Amino acid sequence: MSLELYFDRIQDLLGRIRETQAGAIRKAGEMVARSLKRGGIVHTFGTGHSHMVAEEAFFRAGGLVPVNAILDSRFSFLEGALESTRAERQEGLAYGVLSKEHVTSDDTAIIISNSGRNAVPVEMALEMKSRGVPVIAISNLHQSSSAPSRHHTGKRLFEIADLSIDTCVPPGDAVLHLESLEQRVGPASTVAGAVIINSIMIEAMLLTSDEGNAAPVFPSANLTTTSDETIASLYRPFRGRIRCLDKT
């Protein structure tokens, strides 16, 4: 029964996103398309579990090629989950992380933080804005608006971003209550975030292809029709701008 209930809750959640956030997602797609037409790229960033949404859009079969996931081991549990939680609340880290990236005002940033209150995502948005980069936030707007910021400015992510898209998940993320457990279960923000960020990219692909300047799309590297040279040729124009593409 719990499996069916969880599926039902996720379907309801995606329905709410479709009903209430479609306009914002289309606007985000327009922002990304503008960057692509100017020769810019898309930077994605998140901490904790939100880093998975940032990574979802990067080097992804069926996704855009010009996407740079800003990845740092401190924010992805590689140096310990407790350290990741501590690090995402620490001011001063985002500047150092961003200083390693190639960022221009032609780019667009998508910053994912379900709570929207931790220092690093807030600081990353501020740093992007200071460089003239428009910022799209994917965040839980209800929860974020009712909780204080952990950044000294008192700002939350949605208050900095040029455009915010609501994950529509309940406070605390979990969507299911089981009678035998006090704590709610069934996290949903990763599912919501993945659908939202992929929808943004699809909108951008549609807009650029309609104007005859289709953005490059990454094919599955595991298809027999996709060679190493195919992948190399797709990413060749963006070498030096996508830091985690390879180690060279």
C-alpha atoms as a PDB file:
ATOM      1  CA  MET A   1       0.000   0.000   0.000  1.00  0.00           C
ATOM      2  CA  SER A   2       2.799   2.457   0.855  1.00  0.00           C
ATOM      3  CA  LEU A   3       4.321   2.003  -2.604  1.00  0.00           C
ATOM      4  CA  GLU A   4       1.045   2.919  -4.305  1.00  0.00           C
ATOM      5  CA  LEU A   5       0.569   5.893  -1.981  1.00  0.00           C
ATOM      6  CA  TYR A   6       4.039   7.197  -2.723  1.00  0.00           C
ATOM      7  CA  PHE A   7       3.446   6.914  -6.461  1.00  0.00           C
ATOM      8  CA  ASP A   8       0.142   8.748  -6.008  1.00  0.00           C
ATOM      9  CA  ARG A   9       1.805  11.551  -4.035  1.00  0.00           C
ATOM     10  CA  ILE A  10       4.536  11.948  -6.629  1.00  0.00           C
ATOM     11  CA  GLN A  11       1.981  12.061  -9.430  1.00  0.00           C
ATOM     12  CA  ASP A  12       0.000  14.685  -7.497  1.00  0.00           C
ATOM     13  CA  LEU A  13       3.188  16.677  -6.957  1.00  0.00           C
ATOM     14  CA  LEU A  14       4.111  16.643 -10.627  1.00  0.00           C
ATOM     15  CA  GLY A  15       0.559  17.690 -11.438  1.00  0.00           C
ATOM     16  CA  ARG A  16       0.883  20.711  -9.137  1.00  0.00           C
ATOM     17  CA  ILE A  17       4.184  21.661 -10.721  1.00  0.00           C
ATOM     18  CA  ARG A  18       2.654  21.396 -14.181  1.00  0.00           C
ATOM     19  CA  GLU A  19      -0.390  23.436 -13.156  1.00  0.00           C
ATOM     20  CA  THR A  20       1.356  26.181 -11.186  1.00  0.00           C
ATOM     21  CA  GLN A  21       4.939  26.384 -12.492  1.00  0.00           C
ATOM     22  CA  ALA A  22       4.626  25.874 -16.254  1.00  0.00           C
ATOM     23  CA  GLY A  23       4.812  29.612 -16.914  1.00  0.00           C
ATOM     24  CA  ALA A  24       7.960  30.023 -14.829  1.00  0.00           C
ATOM     25  CA  ILE A  25       9.551  26.979 -16.466  1.00  0.00           C
ATOM     26  CA  ARG A  26       8.867  28.437 -19.918  1.00  0.00           C
ATOM     27  CA  LYS A  27      10.419  31.761 -18.857  1.00  0.00           C
ATOM     28  CA  ALA A  28      13.445  29.876 -17.573  1.00  0.00           C
ATOM     29  CA  GLY A  29      13.691  28.109 -20.921  1.00  0.00           C
ATOM     30  CA  GLU A  30      13.651  31.499 -22.633  1.00  0.00           C
ATOM     31  CA  MET A  31      16.481  32.719 -20.393  1.00  0.00           C
ATOM     32  CA  VAL A  32      18.566  29.665 -21.204  1.00  0.00           C
ATOM     33  CA  ALA A  33      17.804  29.962 -24.926  1.00  0.00           C
ATOM     34  CA  ARG A  34      18.967  33.597 -24.909  1.00  0.00           C
ATOM     35  CA  SER A  35      22.261  32.539 -23.373  1.00  0.00           C
ATOM     36  CA  LEU A  36      22.745  29.760 -25.896  1.00  0.00           C
ATOM     37  CA  LYS A  37      22.057  32.089 -28.808  1.00  0.00           C
ATOM     38  CA  ARG A  38      24.711  34.487 -27.463  1.00  0.00           C
ATOM     39  CA  GLY A  39      27.229  31.687 -27.199  1.00  0.00           C
ATOM     40  CA  GLY A  40      26.801  31.337 -23.451  1.00  0.00           C
ATOM     41  CA  ILE A  41      26.461  28.206 -21.357  1.00  0.00           C
ATOM     42  CA  VAL A  42      24.344  27.121 -18.392  1.00  0.00           C
ATOM     43  CA  HIS A  43      25.928  26.735 -14.954  1.00  0.00           C
ATOM     44  CA  THR A  44      24.112  24.484 -12.482  1.00  0.00           C
ATOM     45  CA  PHE A  45      24.811  24.308  -8.765  1.00  0.00           C
ATOM     46  CA  GLY A  46      23.359  22.716  -5.662  1.00  0.00           C
ATOM     47  CA  THR A  47      24.500  21.434  -2.286  1.00  0.00           C
ATOM     48  CA  GLY A  48      23.515  18.309  -0.378  1.00  0.00           C
ATOM     49  CA  HIS A  49      20.933  16.277  -2.277  1.00  0.00           C
ATOM     50  CA  SER A  50      20.327  19.292  -4.548  1.00  0.00           C
ATOM     51  CA  HIS A  51      23.723  18.677  -6.130  1.00  0.00           C
ATOM     52  CA  MET A  52      22.115  15.656  -7.811  1.00  0.00           C
ATOM     53  CA  VAL A  53      19.712  17.961  -9.638  1.00  0.00           C
ATOM     54  CA  ALA A  54      22.615  20.140 -10.774  1.00  0.00           C
ATOM     55  CA  GLU A  55      24.396  17.019 -12.001  1.00  0.00           C
ATOM     56  CA  GLU A  56      21.223  15.687 -13.667  1.00  0.00           C
ATOM     57  CA  ALA A  57      21.509  18.351 -16.366  1.00  0.00           C
ATOM     58  CA  PHE A  58      25.211  17.733 -17.044  1.00  0.00           C
ATOM     59  CA  PHE A  59      26.657  15.279 -19.611  1.00  0.00           C
ATOM     60  CA  ARG A  60      23.164  13.827 -19.785  1.00  0.00           C
ATOM     61  CA  ALA A  61      21.689  11.672 -22.512  1.00  0.00           C
ATOM     62  CA  GLY A  62      18.960  13.754 -24.127  1.00  0.00           C
ATOM     63  CA  GLY A  63      20.202  16.906 -22.405  1.00  0.00           C
ATOM     64  CA  LEU A  64      21.965  20.052 -23.518  1.00  0.00           C
ATOM     65  CA  VAL A  65      25.692  19.908 -24.200  1.00  0.00           C
ATOM     66  CA  PRO A  66      26.630  23.456 -23.062  1.00  0.00           C
ATOM     67  CA  VAL A  67      25.953  22.798 -19.373  1.00  0.00           C
ATOM     68  CA  ASN A  68      28.604  23.221 -16.693  1.00  0.00           C
ATOM     69  CA  ALA A  69      27.780  21.551 -13.388  1.00  0.00           C
ATOM     70  CA  ILE A  70      29.695  23.341 -10.639  1.00  0.00           C
ATOM     71  CA  LEU A  71      30.739  20.420  -8.464  1.00  0.00           C
ATOM     72  CA  ASP A  72      32.674  20.436  -5.205  1.00  0.00           C
ATOM     73  CA  SER A  73      33.265  17.320  -3.098  1.00  0.00           C
ATOM     74  CA  ARG A  74      32.469  19.167   0.130  1.00  0.00           C
ATOM     75  CA  PHE A  75      28.853  19.590  -0.933  1.00  0.00           C
ATOM     76  CA  SER A  76      28.163  16.080  -2.261  1.00  0.00           C
ATOM     77  CA  PHE A  77      28.835  13.780   0.721  1.00  0.00           C
ATOM     78  CA  LEU A  78      32.200  12.647  -0.701  1.00  0.00           C
ATOM     79  CA  GLU A  79      33.924  14.116   2.338  1.00  0.00           C
ATOM     80  CA  GLY A  80      31.161  12.990   4.696  1.00  0.00           C
ATOM     81  CA  ALA A  81      27.473  13.766   4.931  1.00  0.00           C
ATOM     82  CA  LEU A  82      27.864  15.690   8.187  1.00  0.00           C
ATOM     83  CA  GLU A  83      30.687  17.725   6.673  1.00  0.00           C
ATOM     84  CA  SER A  84      28.481  18.495   3.678  1.00  0.00           C
ATOM     85  CA  THR A  85      25.732  19.811   5.958  1.00  0.00           C
ATOM     86  CA  ARG A  86      28.239  21.951   7.838  1.00  0.00           C
ATOM     87  CA  ALA A  87      29.883  23.220   4.661  1.00  0.00           C
ATOM     88  CA  GLU A  88      26.680  24.339   2.931  1.00  0.00           C
ATOM     89  CA  ARG A  89      25.972  26.610   5.906  1.00  0.00           C
ATOM     90  CA  GLN A  90      29.415  28.225   5.905  1.00  0.00           C
ATOM     91  CA  GLU A  91      29.807  31.663   4.379  1.00  0.00           C
ATOM     92  CA  GLY A  92      32.782  32.445   2.180  1.00  0.00           C
ATOM     93  CA  LEU A  93      32.988  29.130   0.322  1.00  0.00           C
ATOM     94  CA  ALA A  94      31.030  29.985  -2.827  1.00  0.00           C
ATOM     95  CA  TYR A  95      33.504  32.635  -3.992  1.00  0.00           C
ATOM     96  CA  GLY A  96      36.371  30.155  -3.973  1.00  0.00           C
ATOM     97  CA  VAL A  97      34.312  27.524  -5.761  1.00  0.00           C
ATOM     98  CA  LEU A  98      33.175  29.943  -8.447  1.00  0.00           C
ATOM     99  CA  SER A  99      36.667  31.376  -8.976  1.00  0.00           C
ATOM    100  CA  LYS A 100      37.644  28.043 -10.593  1.00  0.00           C
ATOM    101  CA  GLU A 101      34.899  28.357 -13.227  1.00  0.00           C
ATOM    102  CA  HIS A 102      34.822  30.220 -16.534  1.00  0.00           C
ATOM    103  CA  VAL A 103      31.787  32.488 -16.149  1.00  0.00           C
ATOM    104  CA  THR A 104      30.629  35.312 -18.432  1.00  0.00           C
ATOM    105  CA  SER A 105      27.605  37.595 -18.494  1.00  0.00           C
ATOM    106  CA  ASP A 106      26.334  35.675 -21.542  1.00  0.00           C
ATOM    107  CA  ASP A 107      25.741  32.646 -19.330  1.00  0.00           C
ATOM    108  CA  THR A 108      22.779  31.671 -17.163  1.00  0.00           C
ATOM    109  CA  ALA A 109      22.928  30.015 -13.728  1.00  0.00           C
ATOM    110  CA  ILE A 110      20.451  27.534 -12.294  1.00  0.00           C
ATOM    111  CA  ILE A 111      20.862  27.184  -8.533  1.00  0.00           C
ATOM    112  CA  ILE A 112      19.000  24.435  -6.727  1.00  0.00           C
ATOM    113  CA  SER A 113      18.240  24.545  -3.004  1.00  0.00           C
ATOM    114  CA  ASN A 114      15.024  23.120  -1.666  1.00  0.00           C
ATOM    115  CA  SER A 115      15.272  25.045   1.611  1.00  0.00           C
ATOM    116  CA  GLY A 116      16.730  28.110  -0.095  1.00  0.00           C
ATOM    117  CA  ARG A 117      18.216  29.331   3.182  1.00  0.00           C
ATOM    118  CA  ASN A 118      21.727  27.917   3.461  1.00  0.00           C
ATOM    119  CA  ALA A 119      24.674  30.258   3.064  1.00  0.00           C
ATOM    120  CA  VAL A 120      26.441  28.632   0.114  1.00  0.00           C
ATOM    121  CA  PRO A 121      23.537  28.584  -2.408  1.00  0.00           C
ATOM    122  CA  VAL A 122      22.601  32.136  -1.368  1.00  0.00           C
ATOM    123  CA  GLU A 123      26.198  33.263  -1.740  1.00  0.00           C
ATOM    124  CA  MET A 124      26.525  31.494  -5.095  1.00  0.00           C
ATOM    125  CA  ALA A 125      23.493  33.403  -6.380  1.00  0.00           C
ATOM    126  CA  LEU A 126      24.974  36.684  -5.158  1.00  0.00           C
ATOM    127  CA  GLU A 127      28.323  35.902  -6.796  1.00  0.00           C
ATOM    128  CA  MET A 128      26.644  35.020 -10.092  1.00  0.00           C
ATOM    129  CA  LYS A 129      24.605  38.214 -10.019  1.00  0.00           C
ATOM    130  CA  SER A 130      27.740  40.261  -9.312  1.00  0.00           C
ATOM    131  CA  ARG A 131      29.171  38.864 -12.551  1.00  0.00           C
ATOM    132  CA  GLY A 132      26.096  39.879 -14.541  1.00  0.00           C
ATOM    133  CA  VAL A 133      24.765  36.319 -14.797  1.00  0.00           C
ATOM    134  CA  PRO A 134      20.976  35.905 -14.551  1.00  0.00           C
ATOM    135  CA  VAL A 135      19.980  33.395 -11.878  1.00  0.00           C
ATOM    136  CA  ILE A 136      17.158  30.845 -11.956  1.00  0.00           C
ATOM    137  CA  ALA A 137      16.291  29.274  -8.600  1.00  0.00           C
ATOM    138  CA  ILE A 138      14.674  25.891  -8.070  1.00  0.00           C
ATOM    139  CA  SER A 139      13.436  25.981  -4.483  1.00  0.00           C
ATOM    140  CA  ASN A 140      10.591  25.159  -2.122  1.00  0.00           C
ATOM    141  CA  LEU A 141       9.090  28.628  -1.948  1.00  0.00           C
ATOM    142  CA  HIS A 142       6.613  27.904   0.850  1.00  0.00           C
ATOM    143  CA  GLN A 143       9.196  26.425   3.184  1.00  0.00           C
ATOM    144  CA  SER A 144      11.870  28.929   2.245  1.00  0.00           C
ATOM    145  CA  SER A 145       9.671  31.972   2.775  1.00  0.00           C
ATOM    146  CA  SER A 146       8.770  30.815   6.281  1.00  0.00           C
ATOM    147  CA  ALA A 147      12.330  30.122   7.497  1.00  0.00           C
ATOM    148  CA  PRO A 148      15.173  32.547   8.296  1.00  0.00           C
ATOM    149  CA  SER A 149      18.223  32.728   6.068  1.00  0.00           C
ATOM    150  CA  ARG A 150      21.561  31.343   7.241  1.00  0.00           C
ATOM    151  CA  HIS A 151      23.379  34.077   5.299  1.00  0.00           C
ATOM    152  CA  HIS A 152      24.340  37.355   6.948  1.00  0.00           C
ATOM    153  CA  THR A 153      22.340  39.376   4.412  1.00  0.00           C
ATOM    154  CA  GLY A 154      19.143  37.744   5.646  1.00  0.00           C
ATOM    155  CA  LYS A 155      18.351  36.885   2.024  1.00  0.00           C
ATOM    156  CA  ARG A 156      17.009  33.576   0.847  1.00  0.00           C
ATOM    157  CA  LEU A 157      17.642  32.185  -2.609  1.00  0.00           C
ATOM    158  CA  PHE A 158      14.261  33.156  -4.047  1.00  0.00           C
ATOM    159  CA  GLU A 159      14.832  36.769  -2.961  1.00  0.00           C
ATOM    160  CA  ILE A 160      18.019  36.994  -5.041  1.00  0.00           C
ATOM    161  CA  ALA A 161      17.138  35.017  -8.154  1.00  0.00           C
ATOM    162  CA  ASP A 162      15.787  36.686 -11.273  1.00  0.00           C
ATOM    163  CA  LEU A 163      13.284  33.841 -11.573  1.00  0.00           C
ATOM    164  CA  SER A 164      12.196  31.236  -9.031  1.00  0.00           C
ATOM    165  CA  ILE A 165      10.511  27.912  -9.708  1.00  0.00           C
ATOM    166  CA  ASP A 166       8.700  26.179  -6.852  1.00  0.00           C
ATOM    167  CA  THR A 167       9.326  22.477  -6.248  1.00  0.00           C
ATOM    168  CA  CYS A 168       5.875  22.402  -4.594  1.00  0.00           C
ATOM    169  CA  VAL A 169       6.976  19.785  -2.057  1.00  0.00           C
ATOM    170  CA  PRO A 170       5.690  20.017   1.523  1.00  0.00           C
ATOM    171  CA  PRO A 171       7.913  21.459   4.274  1.00  0.00           C
ATOM    172  CA  GLY A 172      10.476  18.858   5.246  1.00  0.00           C
ATOM    173  CA  ASP A 173      10.377  17.290   1.768  1.00  0.00           C
ATOM    174  CA  ALA A 174       8.675  13.977   2.689  1.00  0.00           C
ATOM    175  CA  VAL A 175       5.217  13.425   1.209  1.00  0.00           C
ATOM    176  CA  LEU A 176       3.941  10.341   3.014  1.00  0.00           C
ATOM    177  CA  HIS A 177       2.729   9.629   6.536  1.00  0.00           C
ATOM    178  CA  LEU A 178       2.754   6.027   7.767  1.00  0.00           C
ATOM    179  CA  GLU A 179       0.720   5.223  10.854  1.00  0.00           C
ATOM    180  CA  SER A 180       3.554   3.195  12.353  1.00  0.00           C
ATOM    181  CA  LEU A 181       6.048   6.082  12.091  1.00  0.00           C
ATOM    182  CA  GLU A 182       6.056   9.519  13.649  1.00  0.00           C
ATOM    183  CA  GLN A 183       8.333  11.020  10.991  1.00  0.00           C
ATOM    184  CA  ARG A 184       6.986  11.559   7.473  1.00  0.00           C
ATOM    185  CA  VAL A 185       8.718   9.537   4.750  1.00  0.00           C
ATOM    186  CA  GLY A 186       9.049   9.565   0.966  1.00  0.00           C
ATOM    187  CA  PRO A 187      11.334  12.428  -0.121  1.00  0.00           C
ATOM    188  CA  ALA A 188      10.222  14.243  -3.246  1.00  0.00           C
ATOM    189  CA  SER A 189      12.432  17.262  -3.951  1.00  0.00           C
ATOM    190  CA  THR A 190      14.933  15.341  -6.108  1.00  0.00           C
ATOM    191  CA  VAL A 191      12.160  13.999  -8.328  1.00  0.00           C
ATOM    192  CA  ALA A 192      10.621  17.470  -8.572  1.00  0.00           C
ATOM    193  CA  GLY A 193      13.954  19.149  -9.244  1.00  0.00           C
ATOM    194  CA  ALA A 194      14.944  16.685 -11.956  1.00  0.00           C
ATOM    195  CA  VAL A 195      11.642  17.144 -13.779  1.00  0.00           C
ATOM    196  CA  ILE A 196      11.905  20.927 -13.510  1.00  0.00           C
ATOM    197  CA  ILE A 197      15.493  21.245 -14.705  1.00  0.00           C
ATOM    198  CA  ASN A 198      14.952  18.834 -17.602  1.00  0.00           C
ATOM    199  CA  SER A 199      11.802  20.743 -18.566  1.00  0.00           C
ATOM    200  CA  ILE A 200      13.783  23.999 -18.637  1.00  0.00           C
ATOM    201  CA  MET A 201      16.331  22.451 -20.973  1.00  0.00           C
ATOM    202  CA  ILE A 202      13.634  21.021 -23.252  1.00  0.00           C
ATOM    203  CA  GLU A 203      12.002  24.454 -23.534  1.00  0.00           C
ATOM    204  CA  ALA A 204      15.377  25.978 -24.421  1.00  0.00           C
ATOM    205  CA  MET A 205      16.003  23.282 -27.042  1.00  0.00           C
ATOM    206  CA  LEU A 206      12.599  23.922 -28.580  1.00  0.00           C
ATOM    207  CA  LEU A 207      13.160  27.672 -28.766  1.00  0.00           C
ATOM    208  CA  THR A 208      16.614  27.439 -30.311  1.00  0.00           C
ATOM    209  CA  SER A 209      15.544  24.806 -32.846  1.00  0.00           C
ATOM    210  CA  ASP A 210      12.500  26.870 -33.853  1.00  0.00           C
ATOM    211  CA  GLU A 211      14.842  29.727 -34.718  1.00  0.00           C
ATOM    212  CA  GLY A 212      17.081  27.538 -36.826  1.00  0.00           C
ATOM    213  CA  ASN A 213      20.022  27.525 -34.443  1.00  0.00           C
ATOM    214  CA  ALA A 214      19.517  24.265 -32.605  1.00  0.00           C
ATOM    215  CA  ALA A 215      21.548  23.786 -29.445  1.00  0.00           C
ATOM    216  CA  PRO A 216      23.672  20.620 -29.368  1.00  0.00           C
ATOM    217  CA  VAL A 217      22.071  17.684 -27.563  1.00  0.00           C
ATOM    218  CA  PHE A 218      24.068  14.926 -25.881  1.00  0.00           C
ATOM    219  CA  PRO A 219      23.289  11.381 -27.131  1.00  0.00           C
ATOM    220  CA  SER A 220      23.629   8.376 -24.875  1.00  0.00           C
ATOM    221  CA  ALA A 221      27.278   7.355 -24.676  1.00  0.00           C
ATOM    222  CA  ASN A 222      26.133   3.748 -24.391  1.00  0.00           C
ATOM    223  CA  LEU A 223      24.498   3.518 -27.810  1.00  0.00           C
ATOM    224  CA  THR A 224      26.526   1.715 -30.460  1.00  0.00           C
ATOM    225  CA  THR A 225      25.962   4.690 -32.778  1.00  0.00           C
ATOM    226  CA  THR A 226      27.722   7.085 -30.373  1.00  0.00           C
ATOM    227  CA  SER A 227      31.492   7.082 -30.725  1.00  0.00           C
ATOM    228  CA  ASP A 228      34.084   8.797 -28.562  1.00  0.00           C
ATOM    229  CA  GLU A 229      34.696  11.158 -31.477  1.00  0.00           C
ATOM    230  CA  THR A 230      30.997  12.032 -31.566  1.00  0.00           C
ATOM    231  CA  ILE A 231      31.160  13.086 -27.915  1.00  0.00           C
ATOM    232  CA  ALA A 232      34.466  14.905 -28.384  1.00  0.00           C
ATOM    233  CA  SER A 233      33.126  16.869 -31.358  1.00  0.00           C
ATOM    234  CA  LEU A 234      30.043  17.964 -29.417  1.00  0.00           C
ATOM    235  CA  TYR A 235      32.094  19.275 -26.501  1.00  0.00           C
ATOM    236  CA  ARG A 236      35.026  20.662 -28.490  1.00  0.00           C
ATOM    237  CA  PRO A 237      33.515  24.185 -28.784  1.00  0.00           C
ATOM    238  CA  PHE A 238      33.091  24.318 -25.002  1.00  0.00           C
ATOM    239  CA  ARG A 239      36.468  23.035 -23.834  1.00  0.00           C
ATOM    240  CA  GLY A 240      37.871  25.274 -21.136  1.00  0.00           C
ATOM    241  CA  ARG A 241      34.370  26.354 -20.129  1.00  0.00           C
ATOM    242  CA  ILE A 242      33.122  23.085 -18.647  1.00  0.00           C
ATOM    243  CA  ARG A 243      35.542  22.336 -15.828  1.00  0.00           C
ATOM    244  CA  CYS A 244      34.393  18.822 -14.933  1.00  0.00           C
ATOM    245  CA  LEU A 245      34.411  17.550 -18.508  1.00  0.00           C
ATOM    246  CA  ASP A 246      37.786  15.854 -18.066  1.00  0.00           C
ATOM    247  CA  LYS A 247      40.992  16.136 -16.057  1.00  0.00           C
ATOM    248  CA  THR A 248      43.091  17.749 -18.785  1.00  0.00           C
END
